[in-house]
């Protein structure tokens, strides 16, 4: 499973993108379950967030959803954090 996270916005407006392939990971099953939960909480169009907040695009195997601070689900927050850390 390929997971990509794109973060935009924030005070400085700096975009950050990271991608991870879960296939070789020992905890791939956990990543897959987390990705499915994160997708379930997202919307098909960019969500208005708060001024200077972050907006996210999460793509998992070609399926894309959008979400924004402060309206992230716990699964989205964890997935975003892990992908931006591991996929950097």
C-alpha atoms as a PDB file:
ATOM      1  CA  UNK A   1       0.000   0.000   0.000  1.00  0.00           C
ATOM      2  CA  UNK A   2       1.321   3.444  -0.920  1.00  0.00           C
ATOM      3  CA  UNK A   3       0.352   6.322   1.338  1.00  0.00           C
ATOM      4  CA  UNK A   4       1.074   9.938   0.476  1.00  0.00           C
ATOM      5  CA  UNK A   5       0.440  12.964   2.685  1.00  0.00           C
ATOM      6  CA  UNK A   6       0.615  16.543   1.450  1.00  0.00           C
ATOM      7  CA  UNK A   7       0.491  19.371   3.987  1.00  0.00           C
ATOM      8  CA  UNK A   8      -0.167  22.962   2.929  1.00  0.00           C
ATOM      9  CA  UNK A   9      -0.916  26.203   4.702  1.00  0.00           C
ATOM     10  CA  UNK A  10       0.337  27.220   8.078  1.00  0.00           C
ATOM     11  CA  UNK A  11       1.782  30.573   9.027  1.00  0.00           C
ATOM     12  CA  UNK A  12       4.697  30.340   6.562  1.00  0.00           C
ATOM     13  CA  UNK A  13       2.714  28.588   3.825  1.00  0.00           C
ATOM     14  CA  UNK A  14       5.404  25.947   3.313  1.00  0.00           C
ATOM     15  CA  UNK A  15       4.216  22.790   1.560  1.00  0.00           C
ATOM     16  CA  UNK A  16       5.487  19.407   2.683  1.00  0.00           C
ATOM     17  CA  UNK A  17       4.904  16.046   1.019  1.00  0.00           C
ATOM     18  CA  UNK A  18       5.956  12.571   2.125  1.00  0.00           C
ATOM     19  CA  UNK A  19       5.164   9.092   0.875  1.00  0.00           C
ATOM     20  CA  UNK A  20       5.597   5.637   2.302  1.00  0.00           C
ATOM     21  CA  UNK A  21       5.215   2.126   0.922  1.00  0.00           C
ATOM     22  CA  UNK A  22       3.898  -0.135   3.663  1.00  0.00           C
ATOM     23  CA  UNK A  23       4.650  -3.434   1.886  1.00  0.00           C
ATOM     24  CA  UNK A  24       8.121  -4.030   3.373  1.00  0.00           C
ATOM     25  CA  UNK A  25       7.221  -2.798   6.861  1.00  0.00           C
ATOM     26  CA  UNK A  26       6.844  -5.294   9.713  1.00  0.00           C
ATOM     27  CA  UNK A  27       3.727  -3.453  10.920  1.00  0.00           C
ATOM     28  CA  UNK A  28       2.148  -3.125   7.461  1.00  0.00           C
ATOM     29  CA  UNK A  29      -1.188  -4.474   8.696  1.00  0.00           C
ATOM     30  CA  UNK A  30      -1.411  -1.699  11.282  1.00  0.00           C
ATOM     31  CA  UNK A  31      -0.544   0.947   8.661  1.00  0.00           C
ATOM     32  CA  UNK A  32      -3.247  -0.394   6.354  1.00  0.00           C
ATOM     33  CA  UNK A  33      -5.933  -0.346   9.056  1.00  0.00           C
ATOM     34  CA  UNK A  34      -4.889   3.160  10.097  1.00  0.00           C
ATOM     35  CA  UNK A  35      -5.019   4.380   6.480  1.00  0.00           C
ATOM     36  CA  UNK A  36      -8.523   3.005   5.978  1.00  0.00           C
ATOM     37  CA  UNK A  37      -9.751   4.718   9.161  1.00  0.00           C
ATOM     38  CA  UNK A  38      -8.123   8.000   8.083  1.00  0.00           C
ATOM     39  CA  UNK A  39      -9.754   7.837   4.643  1.00  0.00           C
ATOM     40  CA  UNK A  40     -13.167   7.240   6.193  1.00  0.00           C
ATOM     41  CA  UNK A  41     -12.987  10.568   8.026  1.00  0.00           C
ATOM     42  CA  UNK A  42     -11.935  12.685   5.052  1.00  0.00           C
ATOM     43  CA  UNK A  43     -13.892  14.549   2.428  1.00  0.00           C
ATOM     44  CA  UNK A  44     -13.717  14.606  -1.372  1.00  0.00           C
ATOM     45  CA  UNK A  45     -12.984  18.351  -1.517  1.00  0.00           C
ATOM     46  CA  UNK A  46     -10.628  20.584   0.461  1.00  0.00           C
ATOM     47  CA  UNK A  47     -12.087  21.405   3.848  1.00  0.00           C
ATOM     48  CA  UNK A  48     -11.927  24.982   5.120  1.00  0.00           C
ATOM     49  CA  UNK A  49      -9.748  25.059   8.180  1.00  0.00           C
ATOM     50  CA  UNK A  50      -8.692  27.942  10.343  1.00  0.00           C
ATOM     51  CA  UNK A  51      -6.485  30.897   9.411  1.00  0.00           C
ATOM     52  CA  UNK A  52      -2.822  29.837   9.387  1.00  0.00           C
ATOM     53  CA  UNK A  53      -3.852  26.218  10.015  1.00  0.00           C
ATOM     54  CA  UNK A  54      -2.698  23.228   7.997  1.00  0.00           C
ATOM     55  CA  UNK A  55      -4.706  21.517   5.279  1.00  0.00           C
ATOM     56  CA  UNK A  56      -3.923  17.932   4.280  1.00  0.00           C
ATOM     57  CA  UNK A  57      -4.390  15.731   1.257  1.00  0.00           C
ATOM     58  CA  UNK A  58      -4.144  12.015   2.021  1.00  0.00           C
ATOM     59  CA  UNK A  59      -3.817   9.602  -0.903  1.00  0.00           C
ATOM     60  CA  UNK A  60      -3.876   5.845  -0.377  1.00  0.00           C
ATOM     61  CA  UNK A  61      -3.450   3.650  -3.446  1.00  0.00           C
ATOM     62  CA  UNK A  62      -5.005   6.302  -5.691  1.00  0.00           C
ATOM     63  CA  UNK A  63      -7.905   7.291  -3.413  1.00  0.00           C
ATOM     64  CA  UNK A  64      -7.641  10.878  -2.155  1.00  0.00           C
ATOM     65  CA  UNK A  65      -9.387  12.677   0.690  1.00  0.00           C
ATOM     66  CA  UNK A  66      -8.938  16.126   2.187  1.00  0.00           C
ATOM     67  CA  UNK A  67      -8.952  17.292   5.791  1.00  0.00           C
ATOM     68  CA  UNK A  68      -7.775  20.288   7.815  1.00  0.00           C
ATOM     69  CA  UNK A  69      -6.835  21.387  11.306  1.00  0.00           C
ATOM     70  CA  UNK A  70      -8.505  21.483  13.763  1.00  0.00           C
ATOM     71  CA  UNK A  71     -11.033  19.003  12.344  1.00  0.00           C
ATOM     72  CA  UNK A  72      -8.759  15.946  12.067  1.00  0.00           C
ATOM     73  CA  UNK A  73      -9.859  12.568  13.355  1.00  0.00           C
ATOM     74  CA  UNK A  74      -7.494  10.701  15.655  1.00  0.00           C
ATOM     75  CA  UNK A  75      -6.680   8.297  12.802  1.00  0.00           C
ATOM     76  CA  UNK A  76      -5.897  11.155  10.408  1.00  0.00           C
ATOM     77  CA  UNK A  77      -3.693  12.879  12.965  1.00  0.00           C
ATOM     78  CA  UNK A  78      -1.726   9.684  13.651  1.00  0.00           C
ATOM     79  CA  UNK A  79      -1.382   8.758   9.980  1.00  0.00           C
ATOM     80  CA  UNK A  80      -0.253  12.256   9.002  1.00  0.00           C
ATOM     81  CA  UNK A  81       2.297  12.343  11.799  1.00  0.00           C
ATOM     82  CA  UNK A  82       3.705   8.905  10.978  1.00  0.00           C
ATOM     83  CA  UNK A  83       3.917   9.457   7.208  1.00  0.00           C
ATOM     84  CA  UNK A  84       5.535  12.891   7.508  1.00  0.00           C
ATOM     85  CA  UNK A  85       8.062  11.409   9.956  1.00  0.00           C
ATOM     86  CA  UNK A  86       8.796   8.051   8.243  1.00  0.00           C
ATOM     87  CA  UNK A  87       8.407   9.193   4.650  1.00  0.00           C
ATOM     88  CA  UNK A  88      10.670  12.219   4.985  1.00  0.00           C
END
